[in-house]
C-alpha cells in the first residue's frame, strides 16, 4: 500500500480537530529540541509495531525532519500489518516553511 503524503496545512487542521495521532519518528534528542505540539515520540531507530499506541478512532500520521524517515516507518509498520498509510510530506522542515508553530 503506498504511503500517502499530507501537506503541513492538512496535518495542522486534522491535529487541531483531533482527527489524527501524530507520531514523530525522529530521534529523542531531535524531538526534545523541537517538535510539533501534540506529537508523540516513537523513534524509527527503535520502532516496534507493538509500541505504536492505539489511535482510538484517529488516523495515525507519521512525521520526521524531512519526510524520508516517516515514509520508511510507514512502510515498515504496514509490513508488520498496521494500518499506517499517511505521513507529513517534507516533515518538520515543510511544517516550519509553511509558517506553522513548533514547541521546544
C-alpha atoms as a PDB file:
ATOM      1  CA  UNK A   1       0.000   0.000   0.000  1.00  0.00           C
ATOM      2  CA  UNK A   2       1.546   3.352  -0.954  1.00  0.00           C
ATOM      3  CA  UNK A   3       2.375   5.965   1.650  1.00  0.00           C
ATOM      4  CA  UNK A   4       0.082   8.983   1.374  1.00  0.00           C
ATOM      5  CA  UNK A   5       1.681  12.431   1.526  1.00  0.00           C
ATOM      6  CA  UNK A   6      -0.164  15.010   3.612  1.00  0.00           C
ATOM      7  CA  UNK A   7       0.585  18.720   3.456  1.00  0.00           C
ATOM      8  CA  UNK A   8       1.534  20.657   6.584  1.00  0.00           C
ATOM      9  CA  UNK A   9      -1.778  22.535   6.392  1.00  0.00           C
ATOM     10  CA  UNK A  10      -3.779  19.302   6.205  1.00  0.00           C
ATOM     11  CA  UNK A  11      -1.912  17.852   9.184  1.00  0.00           C
ATOM     12  CA  UNK A  12      -2.298  21.063  11.196  1.00  0.00           C
ATOM     13  CA  UNK A  13      -6.055  21.182  10.584  1.00  0.00           C
ATOM     14  CA  UNK A  14      -6.533  17.484  11.389  1.00  0.00           C
ATOM     15  CA  UNK A  15      -4.386  17.761  14.516  1.00  0.00           C
ATOM     16  CA  UNK A  16      -6.369  20.760  15.740  1.00  0.00           C
ATOM     17  CA  UNK A  17      -9.639  18.930  15.040  1.00  0.00           C
ATOM     18  CA  UNK A  18      -8.417  15.895  16.988  1.00  0.00           C
ATOM     19  CA  UNK A  19      -8.715  13.622  13.958  1.00  0.00           C
ATOM     20  CA  UNK A  20      -5.148  12.296  13.943  1.00  0.00           C
ATOM     21  CA  UNK A  21      -2.498  10.815  16.192  1.00  0.00           C
ATOM     22  CA  UNK A  22       0.784  12.405  15.110  1.00  0.00           C
ATOM     23  CA  UNK A  23       3.822  10.201  15.728  1.00  0.00           C
ATOM     24  CA  UNK A  24       7.282  11.758  15.357  1.00  0.00           C
ATOM     25  CA  UNK A  25       9.843   9.115  14.322  1.00  0.00           C
ATOM     26  CA  UNK A  26      12.924  11.305  14.795  1.00  0.00           C
ATOM     27  CA  UNK A  27      15.491  10.510  17.472  1.00  0.00           C
ATOM     28  CA  UNK A  28      14.733  11.596  21.066  1.00  0.00           C
ATOM     29  CA  UNK A  29      17.312  14.419  21.004  1.00  0.00           C
ATOM     30  CA  UNK A  30      15.659  15.835  17.861  1.00  0.00           C
ATOM     31  CA  UNK A  31      12.201  15.578  19.417  1.00  0.00           C
ATOM     32  CA  UNK A  32      13.377  17.304  22.588  1.00  0.00           C
ATOM     33  CA  UNK A  33      14.992  20.140  20.627  1.00  0.00           C
ATOM     34  CA  UNK A  34      11.870  20.983  18.602  1.00  0.00           C
ATOM     35  CA  UNK A  35       8.584  19.309  17.813  1.00  0.00           C
ATOM     36  CA  UNK A  36       5.032  19.822  16.640  1.00  0.00           C
ATOM     37  CA  UNK A  37       2.732  20.375  19.607  1.00  0.00           C
ATOM     38  CA  UNK A  38       0.649  17.274  20.207  1.00  0.00           C
ATOM     39  CA  UNK A  39       3.087  14.858  18.553  1.00  0.00           C
ATOM     40  CA  UNK A  40       4.320  11.818  20.436  1.00  0.00           C
ATOM     41  CA  UNK A  41       7.808  10.376  20.067  1.00  0.00           C
ATOM     42  CA  UNK A  42       8.447   6.884  18.669  1.00  0.00           C
ATOM     43  CA  UNK A  43      11.950   6.860  17.124  1.00  0.00           C
ATOM     44  CA  UNK A  44      12.432   4.926  13.889  1.00  0.00           C
ATOM     45  CA  UNK A  45      15.739   3.529  15.179  1.00  0.00           C
ATOM     46  CA  UNK A  46      13.880   1.601  17.886  1.00  0.00           C
ATOM     47  CA  UNK A  47      10.418   1.309  16.359  1.00  0.00           C
ATOM     48  CA  UNK A  48       8.407  -1.699  17.444  1.00  0.00           C
ATOM     49  CA  UNK A  49       4.972  -2.243  15.904  1.00  0.00           C
ATOM     50  CA  UNK A  50       3.728  -3.361  19.334  1.00  0.00           C
ATOM     51  CA  UNK A  51       4.755   0.032  20.760  1.00  0.00           C
ATOM     52  CA  UNK A  52       2.518   2.020  18.405  1.00  0.00           C
ATOM     53  CA  UNK A  53      -0.221   3.380  20.649  1.00  0.00           C
ATOM     54  CA  UNK A  54      -3.882   2.704  19.973  1.00  0.00           C
ATOM     55  CA  UNK A  55      -5.185   5.521  17.822  1.00  0.00           C
ATOM     56  CA  UNK A  56      -8.653   5.372  19.450  1.00  0.00           C
ATOM     57  CA  UNK A  57     -10.547   6.154  16.259  1.00  0.00           C
ATOM     58  CA  UNK A  58      -7.948   8.613  14.988  1.00  0.00           C
ATOM     59  CA  UNK A  59      -5.819   8.282  11.867  1.00  0.00           C
ATOM     60  CA  UNK A  60      -2.124   7.736  12.519  1.00  0.00           C
ATOM     61  CA  UNK A  61       0.147  10.204  10.737  1.00  0.00           C
ATOM     62  CA  UNK A  62       3.932   9.939  10.931  1.00  0.00           C
ATOM     63  CA  UNK A  63       6.398  12.817  10.818  1.00  0.00           C
ATOM     64  CA  UNK A  64      10.158  13.298  10.839  1.00  0.00           C
ATOM     65  CA  UNK A  65      12.611  16.028   9.842  1.00  0.00           C
ATOM     66  CA  UNK A  66      12.247  15.908   6.057  1.00  0.00           C
ATOM     67  CA  UNK A  67       9.784  13.155   5.152  1.00  0.00           C
ATOM     68  CA  UNK A  68      12.174  10.277   4.423  1.00  0.00           C
ATOM     69  CA  UNK A  69      12.167   8.513   7.796  1.00  0.00           C
ATOM     70  CA  UNK A  70       8.410   8.868   8.223  1.00  0.00           C
ATOM     71  CA  UNK A  71       7.773   7.241   4.821  1.00  0.00           C
ATOM     72  CA  UNK A  72      10.206   4.444   5.721  1.00  0.00           C
ATOM     73  CA  UNK A  73       8.485   3.967   9.104  1.00  0.00           C
ATOM     74  CA  UNK A  74       5.070   3.788   7.424  1.00  0.00           C
ATOM     75  CA  UNK A  75       6.299   1.094   5.036  1.00  0.00           C
ATOM     76  CA  UNK A  76       7.807  -0.865   7.937  1.00  0.00           C
ATOM     77  CA  UNK A  77       4.629  -0.641  10.039  1.00  0.00           C
ATOM     78  CA  UNK A  78       2.479  -1.617   7.041  1.00  0.00           C
ATOM     79  CA  UNK A  79       4.673  -4.700   6.527  1.00  0.00           C
ATOM     80  CA  UNK A  80       4.007  -5.563  10.178  1.00  0.00           C
ATOM     81  CA  UNK A  81       0.264  -5.425   9.498  1.00  0.00           C
ATOM     82  CA  UNK A  82      -0.593  -1.998  10.903  1.00  0.00           C
ATOM     83  CA  UNK A  83      -2.849   0.465   9.105  1.00  0.00           C
ATOM     84  CA  UNK A  84      -0.342   3.310   8.895  1.00  0.00           C
ATOM     85  CA  UNK A  85      -0.550   4.941   5.479  1.00  0.00           C
ATOM     86  CA  UNK A  86      -0.008   8.676   5.985  1.00  0.00           C
ATOM     87  CA  UNK A  87       2.917  10.947   6.708  1.00  0.00           C
ATOM     88  CA  UNK A  88       3.739  14.639   6.805  1.00  0.00           C
ATOM     89  CA  UNK A  89       5.328  15.298   3.415  1.00  0.00           C
ATOM     90  CA  UNK A  90       8.517  17.272   3.912  1.00  0.00           C
ATOM     91  CA  UNK A  91       8.439  16.693   7.663  1.00  0.00           C
ATOM     92  CA  UNK A  92       9.206  19.348  10.240  1.00  0.00           C
ATOM     93  CA  UNK A  93      11.119  21.308   7.602  1.00  0.00           C
ATOM     94  CA  UNK A  94       7.971  21.738   5.463  1.00  0.00           C
ATOM     95  CA  UNK A  95       5.908  22.448   8.587  1.00  0.00           C
ATOM     96  CA  UNK A  96       8.173  25.354   9.514  1.00  0.00           C
ATOM     97  CA  UNK A  97       8.331  26.625   5.905  1.00  0.00           C
ATOM     98  CA  UNK A  98       4.540  26.786   5.990  1.00  0.00           C
ATOM     99  CA  UNK A  99       4.827  29.109   8.991  1.00  0.00           C
ATOM    100  CA  UNK A 100       3.275  26.643  11.429  1.00  0.00           C
ATOM    101  CA  UNK A 101       4.326  26.726  15.092  1.00  0.00           C
ATOM    102  CA  UNK A 102       6.624  24.322  16.913  1.00  0.00           C
ATOM    103  CA  UNK A 103       7.487  23.920  20.554  1.00  0.00           C
ATOM    104  CA  UNK A 104      10.804  23.397  22.280  1.00  0.00           C
END
